[in-house]
Amino acid sequence: MRGFEPLSVVVFCMKKTGFDIKKTLSDLSQERKIFHSEADFQFALAWLIQKQFPNAVIRLERNFGKERKEYLDIWIKIDSYFYFIELKYKTKKLEINDNGEDFLLTEQSSTDTGAYDFIKDIARIERFTQSNKKAIGYVIMLTNEGFYWKEARNPNTNDAEFKLCEGRNINGDLSWGPKTSLGVMQGREKTICLSGSYTLNWHTYSSFLEKLTEFKYLLVSVNHNS
């Protein structure tokens, strides 16, 4: 595997196992356009993967920490290949009925800390895949909050280095601006150090025309060559 570019590693593993996370998300969107919570999203995705790959070994909330507890949302083994998946489900307020089921989504307005946590998950997955050449990591955010993917009007905000807008490239050391309040940074003070470089691309997941809202997902692939 030495010398492979990150995308080539993903394609190589895909050909070996047949597991294509983008196709799986597309399939999931046909069954579930919306979720009640992150846990609901996590279970639905894992359940669909298990149906598509009956021989896969799948675990939820598996602890990968050595010195402290660090839980992985979804751990998958297909043949001799491993997939590590971290999920984020960030919502703005929405009340809607879909296929006879009521959904009451809450307002999660802190997009700055949401973006920080997403990038922190990338750094965690980098560590998890570092020693395993047959492991691919995926960090996924699903949201109906457009502030995540839209380009910021003011590029000099305190959370500028954590912006997840379409087409942005993130790499290296990322930290808060000097004027960030202690309240915002609480529990998130540390600089995030990325080993790889990632271009952010958003994809449409589902839409609700009657509410003029859509869900998009951001997918970042991570492996030992990232």
C-alpha atoms as a PDB file:
ATOM      1  CA  MET A   1       0.000   0.000   0.000  1.00  0.00           C
ATOM      2  CA  ARG A   2       3.001   2.317   0.339  1.00  0.00           C
ATOM      3  CA  GLY A   3       2.918   5.208  -2.071  1.00  0.00           C
ATOM      4  CA  PHE A   4      -0.866   5.236  -2.580  1.00  0.00           C
ATOM      5  CA  GLU A   5      -2.629   8.581  -2.508  1.00  0.00           C
ATOM      6  CA  PRO A   6      -5.483   8.785   0.040  1.00  0.00           C
ATOM      7  CA  LEU A   7      -8.217   8.539  -2.611  1.00  0.00           C
ATOM      8  CA  SER A   8      -6.513   5.483  -4.130  1.00  0.00           C
ATOM      9  CA  VAL A   9      -6.549   3.741  -0.754  1.00  0.00           C
ATOM     10  CA  VAL A  10     -10.282   4.405  -0.409  1.00  0.00           C
ATOM     11  CA  VAL A  11     -10.956   3.099  -3.932  1.00  0.00           C
ATOM     12  CA  PHE A  12      -8.723   0.069  -3.304  1.00  0.00           C
ATOM     13  CA  CYS A  13     -10.641  -0.896  -0.164  1.00  0.00           C
ATOM     14  CA  MET A  14     -13.951  -0.185  -1.902  1.00  0.00           C
ATOM     15  CA  LYS A  15     -13.091  -2.612  -4.684  1.00  0.00           C
ATOM     16  CA  LYS A  16     -12.036  -5.267  -2.192  1.00  0.00           C
ATOM     17  CA  THR A  17     -15.158  -5.117  -0.012  1.00  0.00           C
ATOM     18  CA  GLY A  18     -17.784  -3.361  -2.133  1.00  0.00           C
ATOM     19  CA  PHE A  19     -18.488  -0.882   0.663  1.00  0.00           C
ATOM     20  CA  ASP A  20     -19.188   2.582  -0.770  1.00  0.00           C
ATOM     21  CA  ILE A  21     -20.191   5.044   1.953  1.00  0.00           C
ATOM     22  CA  LYS A  22     -21.624   7.574  -0.533  1.00  0.00           C
ATOM     23  CA  LYS A  23     -23.888   4.937  -2.070  1.00  0.00           C
ATOM     24  CA  THR A  24     -24.949   3.792   1.382  1.00  0.00           C
ATOM     25  CA  LEU A  25     -25.874   7.348   2.374  1.00  0.00           C
ATOM     26  CA  SER A  26     -27.808   7.712  -0.870  1.00  0.00           C
ATOM     27  CA  ASP A  27     -29.649   4.467  -0.141  1.00  0.00           C
ATOM     28  CA  LEU A  28     -30.345   5.620   3.401  1.00  0.00           C
ATOM     29  CA  SER A  29     -31.848   8.877   2.146  1.00  0.00           C
ATOM     30  CA  GLN A  30     -34.433   6.854   0.250  1.00  0.00           C
ATOM     31  CA  GLU A  31     -35.490   5.131   3.471  1.00  0.00           C
ATOM     32  CA  ARG A  32     -35.011   7.972   5.950  1.00  0.00           C
ATOM     33  CA  LYS A  33     -34.997  11.610   4.852  1.00  0.00           C
ATOM     34  CA  ILE A  34     -34.728  12.908   8.417  1.00  0.00           C
ATOM     35  CA  PHE A  35     -33.771  11.681  11.890  1.00  0.00           C
ATOM     36  CA  HIS A  36     -34.892  12.483  15.405  1.00  0.00           C
ATOM     37  CA  SER A  37     -31.378  12.644  16.821  1.00  0.00           C
ATOM     38  CA  GLU A  38     -27.752  11.754  16.226  1.00  0.00           C
ATOM     39  CA  ALA A  39     -28.351   8.396  17.898  1.00  0.00           C
ATOM     40  CA  ASP A  40     -31.245   7.752  15.512  1.00  0.00           C
ATOM     41  CA  PHE A  41     -28.983   8.578  12.552  1.00  0.00           C
ATOM     42  CA  GLN A  42     -26.220   6.351  13.938  1.00  0.00           C
ATOM     43  CA  PHE A  43     -28.491   3.342  14.411  1.00  0.00           C
ATOM     44  CA  ALA A  44     -30.210   3.740  11.019  1.00  0.00           C
ATOM     45  CA  LEU A  45     -26.885   3.930   9.173  1.00  0.00           C
ATOM     46  CA  ALA A  46     -25.408   0.942  11.018  1.00  0.00           C
ATOM     47  CA  TRP A  47     -28.599  -1.087  10.474  1.00  0.00           C
ATOM     48  CA  LEU A  48     -28.551  -0.417   6.720  1.00  0.00           C
ATOM     49  CA  ILE A  49     -24.861  -1.366   6.439  1.00  0.00           C
ATOM     50  CA  GLN A  50     -25.606  -4.614   8.276  1.00  0.00           C
ATOM     51  CA  LYS A  51     -28.447  -5.368   5.832  1.00  0.00           C
ATOM     52  CA  GLN A  52     -26.244  -4.622   2.826  1.00  0.00           C
ATOM     53  CA  PHE A  53     -23.310  -6.597   4.215  1.00  0.00           C
ATOM     54  CA  PRO A  54     -24.725  -9.479   6.313  1.00  0.00           C
ATOM     55  CA  ASN A  55     -21.257 -10.859   7.079  1.00  0.00           C
ATOM     56  CA  ALA A  56     -19.933  -7.539   8.372  1.00  0.00           C
ATOM     57  CA  VAL A  57     -19.067  -7.215  12.049  1.00  0.00           C
ATOM     58  CA  ILE A  58     -20.480  -3.917  13.330  1.00  0.00           C
ATOM     59  CA  ARG A  59     -20.168  -2.314  16.746  1.00  0.00           C
ATOM     60  CA  LEU A  60     -21.589   0.948  18.070  1.00  0.00           C
ATOM     61  CA  GLU A  61     -19.788   3.156  20.605  1.00  0.00           C
ATOM     62  CA  ARG A  62     -16.647   1.044  20.658  1.00  0.00           C
ATOM     63  CA  ASN A  63     -13.940   2.332  22.990  1.00  0.00           C
ATOM     64  CA  PHE A  64     -10.634   3.035  21.224  1.00  0.00           C
ATOM     65  CA  GLY A  65      -8.962   4.896  24.052  1.00  0.00           C
ATOM     66  CA  LYS A  66      -5.864   3.578  25.753  1.00  0.00           C
ATOM     67  CA  GLU A  67      -5.231   6.132  28.471  1.00  0.00           C
ATOM     68  CA  ARG A  68      -8.775   7.523  28.462  1.00  0.00           C
ATOM     69  CA  LYS A  69     -12.121   6.502  27.038  1.00  0.00           C
ATOM     70  CA  GLU A  70     -12.598   7.513  23.393  1.00  0.00           C
ATOM     71  CA  TYR A  71     -15.678   6.082  21.768  1.00  0.00           C
ATOM     72  CA  LEU A  72     -16.107   5.498  18.051  1.00  0.00           C
ATOM     73  CA  ASP A  73     -19.657   5.897  16.729  1.00  0.00           C
ATOM     74  CA  ILE A  74     -19.547   2.970  14.289  1.00  0.00           C
ATOM     75  CA  TRP A  75     -16.816   0.326  13.926  1.00  0.00           C
ATOM     76  CA  ILE A  76     -17.059  -2.056  10.970  1.00  0.00           C
ATOM     77  CA  LYS A  77     -15.055  -5.052   9.835  1.00  0.00           C
ATOM     78  CA  ILE A  78     -15.698  -6.432   6.352  1.00  0.00           C
ATOM     79  CA  ASP A  79     -13.398  -9.321   5.464  1.00  0.00           C
ATOM     80  CA  SER A  80      -9.966  -8.072   6.592  1.00  0.00           C
ATOM     81  CA  TYR A  81     -10.760  -4.363   6.166  1.00  0.00           C
ATOM     82  CA  PHE A  82     -11.895  -1.914   8.832  1.00  0.00           C
ATOM     83  CA  TYR A  83     -14.067   1.191   8.667  1.00  0.00           C
ATOM     84  CA  PHE A  84     -14.198   3.771  11.457  1.00  0.00           C
ATOM     85  CA  ILE A  85     -17.140   6.186  11.280  1.00  0.00           C
ATOM     86  CA  GLU A  86     -17.807   9.319  13.320  1.00  0.00           C
ATOM     87  CA  LEU A  87     -21.134  11.124  12.922  1.00  0.00           C
ATOM     88  CA  LYS A  88     -22.490  14.558  13.635  1.00  0.00           C
ATOM     89  CA  TYR A  89     -26.175  15.509  13.275  1.00  0.00           C
ATOM     90  CA  LYS A  90     -26.606  19.255  13.670  1.00  0.00           C
ATOM     91  CA  THR A  91     -30.047  20.785  13.300  1.00  0.00           C
ATOM     92  CA  LYS A  92     -31.921  24.044  13.146  1.00  0.00           C
ATOM     93  CA  LYS A  93     -35.469  24.117  14.437  1.00  0.00           C
ATOM     94  CA  LEU A  94     -37.859  22.159  12.264  1.00  0.00           C
ATOM     95  CA  GLU A  95     -41.287  20.662  12.835  1.00  0.00           C
ATOM     96  CA  ILE A  96     -42.404  18.350  10.061  1.00  0.00           C
ATOM     97  CA  ASN A  97     -44.311  15.167   9.341  1.00  0.00           C
ATOM     98  CA  ASP A  98     -42.610  12.660   7.083  1.00  0.00           C
ATOM     99  CA  ASN A  99     -44.408   9.469   6.065  1.00  0.00           C
ATOM    100  CA  GLY A 100     -46.845   9.846   8.955  1.00  0.00           C
ATOM    101  CA  GLU A 101     -44.118  10.393  11.568  1.00  0.00           C
ATOM    102  CA  ASP A 102     -43.710  13.688  13.420  1.00  0.00           C
ATOM    103  CA  PHE A 103     -40.226  15.154  13.760  1.00  0.00           C
ATOM    104  CA  LEU A 104     -39.516  17.993  16.194  1.00  0.00           C
ATOM    105  CA  LEU A 105     -35.933  19.098  15.679  1.00  0.00           C
ATOM    106  CA  THR A 106     -34.350  21.494  18.132  1.00  0.00           C
ATOM    107  CA  GLU A 107     -32.266  24.565  17.411  1.00  0.00           C
ATOM    108  CA  GLN A 108     -28.523  23.901  17.735  1.00  0.00           C
ATOM    109  CA  SER A 109     -27.247  27.389  17.060  1.00  0.00           C
ATOM    110  CA  SER A 110     -23.585  26.992  18.069  1.00  0.00           C
ATOM    111  CA  THR A 111     -22.131  26.355  14.629  1.00  0.00           C
ATOM    112  CA  ASP A 112     -18.674  27.425  15.817  1.00  0.00           C
ATOM    113  CA  THR A 113     -18.391  24.661  18.415  1.00  0.00           C
ATOM    114  CA  GLY A 114     -20.134  22.229  16.070  1.00  0.00           C
ATOM    115  CA  ALA A 115     -17.447  22.833  13.450  1.00  0.00           C
ATOM    116  CA  TYR A 116     -14.691  22.506  16.054  1.00  0.00           C
ATOM    117  CA  ASP A 117     -16.048  19.129  17.163  1.00  0.00           C
ATOM    118  CA  PHE A 118     -16.264  17.904  13.568  1.00  0.00           C
ATOM    119  CA  ILE A 119     -12.623  18.751  12.856  1.00  0.00           C
ATOM    120  CA  LYS A 120     -11.603  17.273  16.196  1.00  0.00           C
ATOM    121  CA  ASP A 121     -13.222  14.019  15.052  1.00  0.00           C
ATOM    122  CA  ILE A 122     -11.031  14.089  11.932  1.00  0.00           C
ATOM    123  CA  ALA A 123      -7.936  14.339  14.131  1.00  0.00           C
ATOM    124  CA  ARG A 124      -9.198  11.449  16.274  1.00  0.00           C
ATOM    125  CA  ILE A 125      -9.814   9.249  13.232  1.00  0.00           C
ATOM    126  CA  GLU A 126      -6.328  10.076  11.970  1.00  0.00           C
ATOM    127  CA  ARG A 127      -4.946   8.605  15.182  1.00  0.00           C
ATOM    128  CA  PHE A 128      -7.216   5.552  15.014  1.00  0.00           C
ATOM    129  CA  THR A 129      -6.190   4.707  11.431  1.00  0.00           C
ATOM    130  CA  GLN A 130      -2.516   5.601  11.790  1.00  0.00           C
ATOM    131  CA  SER A 131      -1.307   2.099  12.634  1.00  0.00           C
ATOM    132  CA  ASN A 132      -3.743   0.155  10.450  1.00  0.00           C
ATOM    133  CA  LYS A 133      -3.122   0.159   6.693  1.00  0.00           C
ATOM    134  CA  LYS A 134      -6.403  -1.652   6.078  1.00  0.00           C
ATOM    135  CA  ALA A 135      -8.507   0.923   7.900  1.00  0.00           C
ATOM    136  CA  ILE A 136     -10.487   3.775   6.364  1.00  0.00           C
ATOM    137  CA  GLY A 137     -12.110   6.449   8.486  1.00  0.00           C
ATOM    138  CA  TYR A 138     -15.150   8.534   7.608  1.00  0.00           C
ATOM    139  CA  VAL A 139     -16.265  11.675   9.435  1.00  0.00           C
ATOM    140  CA  ILE A 140     -19.786  12.710   8.460  1.00  0.00           C
ATOM    141  CA  MET A 141     -21.893  15.726   9.345  1.00  0.00           C
ATOM    142  CA  LEU A 142     -25.567  15.779   8.371  1.00  0.00           C
ATOM    143  CA  THR A 143     -27.338  19.094   8.890  1.00  0.00           C
ATOM    144  CA  ASN A 144     -30.105  21.394   7.743  1.00  0.00           C
ATOM    145  CA  GLU A 145     -28.212  24.429   9.040  1.00  0.00           C
ATOM    146  CA  GLY A 146     -26.939  26.330   6.008  1.00  0.00           C
ATOM    147  CA  PHE A 147     -24.404  28.341   8.003  1.00  0.00           C
ATOM    148  CA  TYR A 148     -22.164  25.272   7.966  1.00  0.00           C
ATOM    149  CA  TRP A 149     -21.764  25.072   4.183  1.00  0.00           C
ATOM    150  CA  LYS A 150     -22.217  28.720   3.161  1.00  0.00           C
ATOM    151  CA  GLU A 151     -19.189  30.967   2.858  1.00  0.00           C
ATOM    152  CA  ALA A 152     -18.924  33.376   5.774  1.00  0.00           C
ATOM    153  CA  ARG A 153     -19.570  37.052   5.056  1.00  0.00           C
ATOM    154  CA  ASN A 154     -16.836  38.006   7.505  1.00  0.00           C
ATOM    155  CA  PRO A 155     -13.681  35.889   7.021  1.00  0.00           C
ATOM    156  CA  ASN A 156     -12.036  37.225  10.190  1.00  0.00           C
ATOM    157  CA  THR A 157     -14.279  35.741  12.886  1.00  0.00           C
ATOM    158  CA  ASN A 158     -12.868  34.009  15.964  1.00  0.00           C
ATOM    159  CA  ASP A 159     -13.856  30.616  14.546  1.00  0.00           C
ATOM    160  CA  ALA A 160     -12.474  31.336  11.059  1.00  0.00           C
ATOM    161  CA  GLU A 161     -10.028  28.410  11.134  1.00  0.00           C
ATOM    162  CA  PHE A 162     -12.853  25.964  11.863  1.00  0.00           C
ATOM    163  CA  LYS A 163     -15.212  27.043   9.075  1.00  0.00           C
ATOM    164  CA  LEU A 164     -16.649  24.128   7.078  1.00  0.00           C
ATOM    165  CA  CYS A 165     -17.849  26.083   4.041  1.00  0.00           C
ATOM    166  CA  GLU A 166     -17.986  24.462   0.613  1.00  0.00           C
ATOM    167  CA  GLY A 167     -14.631  24.090  -1.146  1.00  0.00           C
ATOM    168  CA  ARG A 168     -12.466  25.050   1.828  1.00  0.00           C
ATOM    169  CA  ASN A 169      -9.247  23.136   2.506  1.00  0.00           C
ATOM    170  CA  ILE A 170      -8.309  22.400   6.104  1.00  0.00           C
ATOM    171  CA  ASN A 171      -4.898  21.237   7.277  1.00  0.00           C
ATOM    172  CA  GLY A 172      -2.201  21.826   9.866  1.00  0.00           C
ATOM    173  CA  ASP A 173      -2.830  23.472  13.228  1.00  0.00           C
ATOM    174  CA  LEU A 174      -6.250  25.063  13.741  1.00  0.00           C
ATOM    175  CA  SER A 175      -7.109  27.273  16.703  1.00  0.00           C
ATOM    176  CA  TRP A 176      -9.536  29.889  17.947  1.00  0.00           C
ATOM    177  CA  GLY A 177      -9.016  33.584  17.299  1.00  0.00           C
ATOM    178  CA  PRO A 178      -7.460  35.688  20.082  1.00  0.00           C
ATOM    179  CA  LYS A 179     -10.746  37.343  21.060  1.00  0.00           C
ATOM    180  CA  THR A 180     -12.731  34.130  21.553  1.00  0.00           C
ATOM    181  CA  SER A 181     -14.565  34.117  24.867  1.00  0.00           C
ATOM    182  CA  LEU A 182     -13.799  31.536  27.534  1.00  0.00           C
ATOM    183  CA  GLY A 183     -17.438  30.473  27.450  1.00  0.00           C
ATOM    184  CA  VAL A 184     -17.214  29.469  23.782  1.00  0.00           C
ATOM    185  CA  MET A 185     -13.911  27.664  24.238  1.00  0.00           C
ATOM    186  CA  GLN A 186     -14.855  25.824  27.413  1.00  0.00           C
ATOM    187  CA  GLY A 187     -13.817  22.204  26.944  1.00  0.00           C
ATOM    188  CA  ARG A 188     -12.484  23.033  23.479  1.00  0.00           C
ATOM    189  CA  GLU A 189      -9.444  25.156  24.263  1.00  0.00           C
ATOM    190  CA  LYS A 190      -6.829  22.966  22.568  1.00  0.00           C
ATOM    191  CA  THR A 191      -5.457  23.619  19.106  1.00  0.00           C
ATOM    192  CA  ILE A 192      -6.463  20.842  16.690  1.00  0.00           C
ATOM    193  CA  CYS A 193      -3.519  19.389  14.775  1.00  0.00           C
ATOM    194  CA  LEU A 194      -4.310  17.636  11.483  1.00  0.00           C
ATOM    195  CA  SER A 195      -1.760  15.411   9.800  1.00  0.00           C
ATOM    196  CA  GLY A 196      -3.607  15.357   6.492  1.00  0.00           C
ATOM    197  CA  SER A 197      -5.126  17.923   4.172  1.00  0.00           C
ATOM    198  CA  TYR A 198      -8.851  17.819   3.357  1.00  0.00           C
ATOM    199  CA  THR A 199     -11.003  19.665   0.844  1.00  0.00           C
ATOM    200  CA  LEU A 200     -14.568  20.054   2.086  1.00  0.00           C
ATOM    201  CA  ASN A 201     -17.416  19.196  -0.277  1.00  0.00           C
ATOM    202  CA  TRP A 202     -21.084  19.157   0.690  1.00  0.00           C
ATOM    203  CA  HIS A 203     -23.682  16.867  -0.891  1.00  0.00           C
ATOM    204  CA  THR A 204     -27.476  17.047  -0.901  1.00  0.00           C
ATOM    205  CA  TYR A 205     -29.043  14.386   1.318  1.00  0.00           C
ATOM    206  CA  SER A 206     -32.769  15.267   1.280  1.00  0.00           C
ATOM    207  CA  SER A 207     -35.104  18.209   0.895  1.00  0.00           C
ATOM    208  CA  PHE A 208     -38.519  19.319   2.109  1.00  0.00           C
ATOM    209  CA  LEU A 209     -39.976  21.808  -0.339  1.00  0.00           C
ATOM    210  CA  GLU A 210     -42.987  22.574   1.873  1.00  0.00           C
ATOM    211  CA  LYS A 211     -40.601  23.849   4.552  1.00  0.00           C
ATOM    212  CA  LEU A 212     -38.037  25.323   2.138  1.00  0.00           C
ATOM    213  CA  THR A 213     -35.305  23.365   3.858  1.00  0.00           C
ATOM    214  CA  GLU A 214     -32.750  20.783   2.837  1.00  0.00           C
ATOM    215  CA  PHE A 215     -30.325  18.472   4.542  1.00  0.00           C
ATOM    216  CA  LYS A 216     -26.762  18.250   3.305  1.00  0.00           C
ATOM    217  CA  TYR A 217     -23.907  16.057   4.409  1.00  0.00           C
ATOM    218  CA  LEU A 218     -20.180  16.651   4.596  1.00  0.00           C
ATOM    219  CA  LEU A 219     -18.032  13.547   4.215  1.00  0.00           C
ATOM    220  CA  VAL A 220     -14.294  13.446   4.956  1.00  0.00           C
ATOM    221  CA  SER A 221     -12.291  10.281   4.226  1.00  0.00           C
ATOM    222  CA  VAL A 222      -9.305   9.546   6.450  1.00  0.00           C
ATOM    223  CA  ASN A 223      -6.599   6.849   6.247  1.00  0.00           C
ATOM    224  CA  HIS A 224      -2.970   6.287   7.204  1.00  0.00           C
ATOM    225  CA  ASN A 225      -1.782   8.123   4.071  1.00  0.00           C
ATOM    226  CA  SER A 226      -4.017  11.180   4.496  1.00  0.00           C
END
